[in-house]
Amino acid sequence: MELAEVTIIAPTAGYVKSDVTAPHVRVMHGSIAAQDIAPEIRARGRHVARCSQKRRSVRVPAMRGSEWGQFLRTLELTRALA
């Protein structure tokens, strides 16, 4: 029974050394007006604010990015989690 020859596989320098990448540029958007927020999202925000004041846990469902922004703006407007 012959033993296989042992070889060491080393990664190339491209995988080990990485150049310093530029940071991502943050896009600053204007704040959302209160009348532009959808009524169902405002209701969800009020519900979360009430549960937060009563120290209850609450489940926040998955939302799209635009809905998430409106939801967070609702919490800011109710001064719940500002």
N, C-alpha and C. Protein backbone atom coordinates (compact mmCIF):
# COMPACT_ATOMS: atom_id res chain seq x y z
N MET A 1 0.85 -1.17 0.00
CA MET A 1 0.00 0.00 0.00
C MET A 1 0.89 1.23 0.00
N GLU A 2 0.74 2.04 -1.03
CA GLU A 2 1.58 3.23 -1.15
C GLU A 2 0.84 4.43 -0.57
N LEU A 3 1.59 5.32 0.05
CA LEU A 3 1.02 6.56 0.57
C LEU A 3 1.06 7.63 -0.51
N ALA A 4 0.03 8.42 -0.57
CA ALA A 4 -0.01 9.49 -1.55
C ALA A 4 0.94 10.60 -1.14
N GLU A 5 1.47 11.25 -2.13
CA GLU A 5 2.38 12.36 -1.85
C GLU A 5 1.58 13.54 -1.30
N VAL A 6 2.07 14.14 -0.23
CA VAL A 6 1.37 15.24 0.43
C VAL A 6 1.78 16.55 -0.23
N THR A 7 0.81 17.34 -0.61
CA THR A 7 1.09 18.66 -1.17
C THR A 7 0.30 19.70 -0.40
N ILE A 8 0.86 20.86 -0.31
CA ILE A 8 0.19 21.97 0.37
C ILE A 8 -0.34 22.91 -0.71
N ILE A 9 -1.61 23.18 -0.63
CA ILE A 9 -2.23 24.08 -1.59
C ILE A 9 -2.38 25.44 -0.92
N ALA A 10 -1.73 26.44 -1.47
CA ALA A 10 -1.78 27.78 -0.90
C ALA A 10 -2.58 28.68 -1.84
N PRO A 11 -3.39 29.57 -1.27
CA PRO A 11 -4.16 30.48 -2.13
C PRO A 11 -3.24 31.51 -2.78
N THR A 12 -3.68 32.01 -3.90
CA THR A 12 -2.89 33.04 -4.58
C THR A 12 -2.99 34.35 -3.82
N ALA A 13 -2.10 35.26 -4.14
CA ALA A 13 -2.03 36.54 -3.42
C ALA A 13 -3.30 37.36 -3.61
N GLY A 14 -3.98 37.17 -4.72
CA GLY A 14 -5.21 37.93 -4.96
C GLY A 14 -6.30 37.64 -3.95
N TYR A 15 -6.33 36.43 -3.42
CA TYR A 15 -7.33 36.08 -2.42
C TYR A 15 -6.92 36.51 -1.02
N VAL A 16 -5.64 36.56 -0.77
CA VAL A 16 -5.15 36.87 0.57
C VAL A 16 -5.05 38.37 0.78
N LYS A 17 -4.43 39.05 -0.15
CA LYS A 17 -4.24 40.49 -0.02
C LYS A 17 -5.38 41.19 -0.75
N SER A 18 -6.09 42.01 -0.03
CA SER A 18 -7.16 42.76 -0.68
C SER A 18 -6.84 44.24 -0.59
N ASP A 19 -7.06 44.93 -1.66
CA ASP A 19 -6.83 46.36 -1.67
C ASP A 19 -7.86 47.05 -0.79
N VAL A 20 -7.50 48.22 -0.33
CA VAL A 20 -8.43 48.99 0.48
C VAL A 20 -9.55 49.48 -0.42
N THR A 21 -10.75 49.12 -0.09
CA THR A 21 -11.89 49.52 -0.91
C THR A 21 -12.47 50.83 -0.39
N ALA A 22 -13.03 51.57 -1.28
CA ALA A 22 -13.66 52.83 -0.90
C ALA A 22 -14.96 52.54 -0.17
N PRO A 23 -15.28 53.31 0.87
CA PRO A 23 -16.53 53.07 1.58
C PRO A 23 -17.73 53.43 0.71
N HIS A 24 -18.84 52.81 1.00
CA HIS A 24 -20.07 53.09 0.26
C HIS A 24 -20.54 54.50 0.60
N VAL A 25 -21.08 55.16 -0.38
CA VAL A 25 -21.59 56.51 -0.19
C VAL A 25 -23.03 56.40 0.30
N ARG A 26 -23.33 57.04 1.41
CA ARG A 26 -24.68 57.00 1.95
C ARG A 26 -25.53 58.06 1.27
N VAL A 27 -26.67 57.66 0.78
CA VAL A 27 -27.58 58.58 0.11
C VAL A 27 -28.52 59.15 1.16
N MET A 28 -28.52 60.44 1.29
CA MET A 28 -29.37 61.10 2.28
C MET A 28 -30.68 61.51 1.60
N HIS A 29 -31.77 60.95 2.06
CA HIS A 29 -33.09 61.27 1.53
C HIS A 29 -33.77 62.26 2.47
N GLY A 30 -34.69 63.02 1.92
CA GLY A 30 -35.47 63.93 2.75
C GLY A 30 -36.46 63.16 3.61
N SER A 31 -36.95 63.81 4.66
CA SER A 31 -37.89 63.13 5.55
C SER A 31 -39.26 63.01 4.87
N ILE A 32 -39.98 62.00 5.25
CA ILE A 32 -41.29 61.71 4.66
C ILE A 32 -42.34 62.55 5.38
N ALA A 33 -43.20 63.20 4.63
CA ALA A 33 -44.28 63.98 5.23
C ALA A 33 -45.32 63.05 5.84
N ALA A 34 -45.99 63.52 6.88
CA ALA A 34 -46.96 62.68 7.60
C ALA A 34 -48.11 62.24 6.70
N GLN A 35 -48.55 63.10 5.79
CA GLN A 35 -49.69 62.74 4.94
C GLN A 35 -49.29 61.77 3.83
N ASP A 36 -47.99 61.58 3.60
CA ASP A 36 -47.53 60.65 2.57
C ASP A 36 -47.44 59.21 3.06
N ILE A 37 -47.62 58.98 4.35
CA ILE A 37 -47.50 57.64 4.92
C ILE A 37 -48.84 56.92 4.74
N ALA A 38 -48.77 55.67 4.31
CA ALA A 38 -49.97 54.87 4.08
C ALA A 38 -50.70 54.63 5.41
N PRO A 39 -52.04 54.66 5.40
CA PRO A 39 -52.80 54.51 6.65
C PRO A 39 -52.54 53.19 7.39
N GLU A 40 -52.38 52.09 6.64
CA GLU A 40 -52.15 50.81 7.32
C GLU A 40 -50.77 50.77 7.99
N ILE A 41 -49.82 51.47 7.42
CA ILE A 41 -48.49 51.51 8.04
C ILE A 41 -48.50 52.42 9.26
N ARG A 42 -49.28 53.50 9.19
CA ARG A 42 -49.42 54.37 10.37
C ARG A 42 -50.08 53.62 11.52
N ALA A 43 -51.09 52.81 11.20
CA ALA A 43 -51.76 52.02 12.24
C ALA A 43 -50.79 51.01 12.85
N ARG A 44 -49.97 50.40 12.02
CA ARG A 44 -48.97 49.44 12.53
C ARG A 44 -47.97 50.15 13.44
N GLY A 45 -47.57 51.35 13.07
CA GLY A 45 -46.64 52.12 13.90
C GLY A 45 -47.26 52.51 15.23
N ARG A 46 -48.52 52.90 15.22
CA ARG A 46 -49.20 53.25 16.48
C ARG A 46 -49.32 52.02 17.38
N HIS A 47 -49.59 50.87 16.77
CA HIS A 47 -49.70 49.62 17.54
C HIS A 47 -48.36 49.29 18.20
N VAL A 48 -47.28 49.40 17.46
CA VAL A 48 -45.96 49.12 18.02
C VAL A 48 -45.62 50.12 19.11
N ALA A 49 -45.98 51.39 18.92
CA ALA A 49 -45.71 52.41 19.93
C ALA A 49 -46.47 52.11 21.22
N ARG A 50 -47.74 51.71 21.11
CA ARG A 50 -48.52 51.37 22.31
C ARG A 50 -47.92 50.16 23.03
N CYS A 51 -47.54 49.15 22.27
CA CYS A 51 -46.94 47.96 22.88
C CYS A 51 -45.61 48.29 23.54
N SER A 52 -44.87 49.21 22.95
CA SER A 52 -43.59 49.61 23.52
C SER A 52 -43.79 50.34 24.84
N GLN A 53 -44.81 51.19 24.91
CA GLN A 53 -45.08 51.91 26.15
C GLN A 53 -45.54 50.97 27.25
N LYS A 54 -46.26 49.91 26.87
CA LYS A 54 -46.73 48.93 27.85
C LYS A 54 -45.71 47.83 28.10
N ARG A 55 -44.54 47.95 27.48
CA ARG A 55 -43.44 46.98 27.62
C ARG A 55 -43.83 45.58 27.16
N ARG A 56 -44.63 45.50 26.11
CA ARG A 56 -45.01 44.22 25.53
C ARG A 56 -44.15 43.96 24.29
N SER A 57 -43.93 42.70 24.02
CA SER A 57 -43.23 42.37 22.78
C SER A 57 -44.23 42.43 21.63
N VAL A 58 -43.73 42.74 20.47
CA VAL A 58 -44.60 42.86 19.31
C VAL A 58 -43.86 42.30 18.10
N ARG A 59 -44.59 41.65 17.22
CA ARG A 59 -44.00 41.09 16.00
C ARG A 59 -44.16 42.10 14.88
N VAL A 60 -43.05 42.45 14.25
CA VAL A 60 -43.08 43.35 13.11
C VAL A 60 -42.90 42.49 11.86
N PRO A 61 -43.88 42.46 10.97
CA PRO A 61 -43.77 41.59 9.79
C PRO A 61 -42.73 42.12 8.79
N ALA A 62 -42.39 41.29 7.85
CA ALA A 62 -41.44 41.68 6.80
C ALA A 62 -42.07 42.77 5.94
N MET A 63 -41.25 43.76 5.58
CA MET A 63 -41.74 44.87 4.78
C MET A 63 -40.73 45.19 3.69
N ARG A 64 -41.21 45.88 2.66
CA ARG A 64 -40.32 46.39 1.63
C ARG A 64 -39.58 47.59 2.20
N GLY A 65 -38.57 48.04 1.48
CA GLY A 65 -37.77 49.17 1.95
C GLY A 65 -38.58 50.44 2.11
N SER A 66 -39.47 50.72 1.18
CA SER A 66 -40.28 51.94 1.26
C SER A 66 -41.24 51.87 2.45
N GLU A 67 -41.82 50.69 2.68
CA GLU A 67 -42.72 50.52 3.82
C GLU A 67 -41.96 50.66 5.13
N TRP A 68 -40.74 50.12 5.17
CA TRP A 68 -39.92 50.19 6.38
C TRP A 68 -39.59 51.65 6.71
N GLY A 69 -39.28 52.44 5.70
CA GLY A 69 -39.01 53.86 5.92
C GLY A 69 -40.23 54.59 6.46
N GLN A 70 -41.40 54.28 5.91
CA GLN A 70 -42.63 54.91 6.40
C GLN A 70 -42.93 54.47 7.82
N PHE A 71 -42.67 53.21 8.12
CA PHE A 71 -42.90 52.68 9.47
C PHE A 71 -42.01 53.40 10.49
N LEU A 72 -40.74 53.54 10.17
CA LEU A 72 -39.82 54.22 11.08
C LEU A 72 -40.19 55.70 11.23
N ARG A 73 -40.63 56.32 10.15
CA ARG A 73 -41.06 57.72 10.22
C ARG A 73 -42.30 57.86 11.11
N THR A 74 -43.21 56.88 11.06
CA THR A 74 -44.38 56.90 11.94
C THR A 74 -43.96 56.84 13.39
N LEU A 75 -42.98 56.00 13.70
CA LEU A 75 -42.50 55.92 15.08
C LEU A 75 -41.84 57.23 15.51
N GLU A 76 -41.17 57.90 14.59
CA GLU A 76 -40.59 59.21 14.92
C GLU A 76 -41.69 60.23 15.19
N LEU A 77 -42.74 60.20 14.36
CA LEU A 77 -43.81 61.18 14.53
C LEU A 77 -44.58 60.98 15.83
N THR A 78 -44.74 59.74 16.25
CA THR A 78 -45.44 59.48 17.51
C THR A 78 -44.51 59.66 18.71
N ARG A 79 -43.25 59.96 18.43
CA ARG A 79 -42.22 60.15 19.46
C ARG A 79 -42.07 58.93 20.36
N ALA A 80 -42.34 57.78 19.79
CA ALA A 80 -42.26 56.54 20.57
C ALA A 80 -40.82 56.09 20.71
N LEU A 81 -40.14 55.97 19.61
CA LEU A 81 -38.77 55.44 19.64
C LEU A 81 -37.83 56.41 18.93
N ALA A 82 -37.91 57.68 19.26
CA ALA A 82 -37.07 58.69 18.60
C ALA A 82 -35.70 58.73 19.22
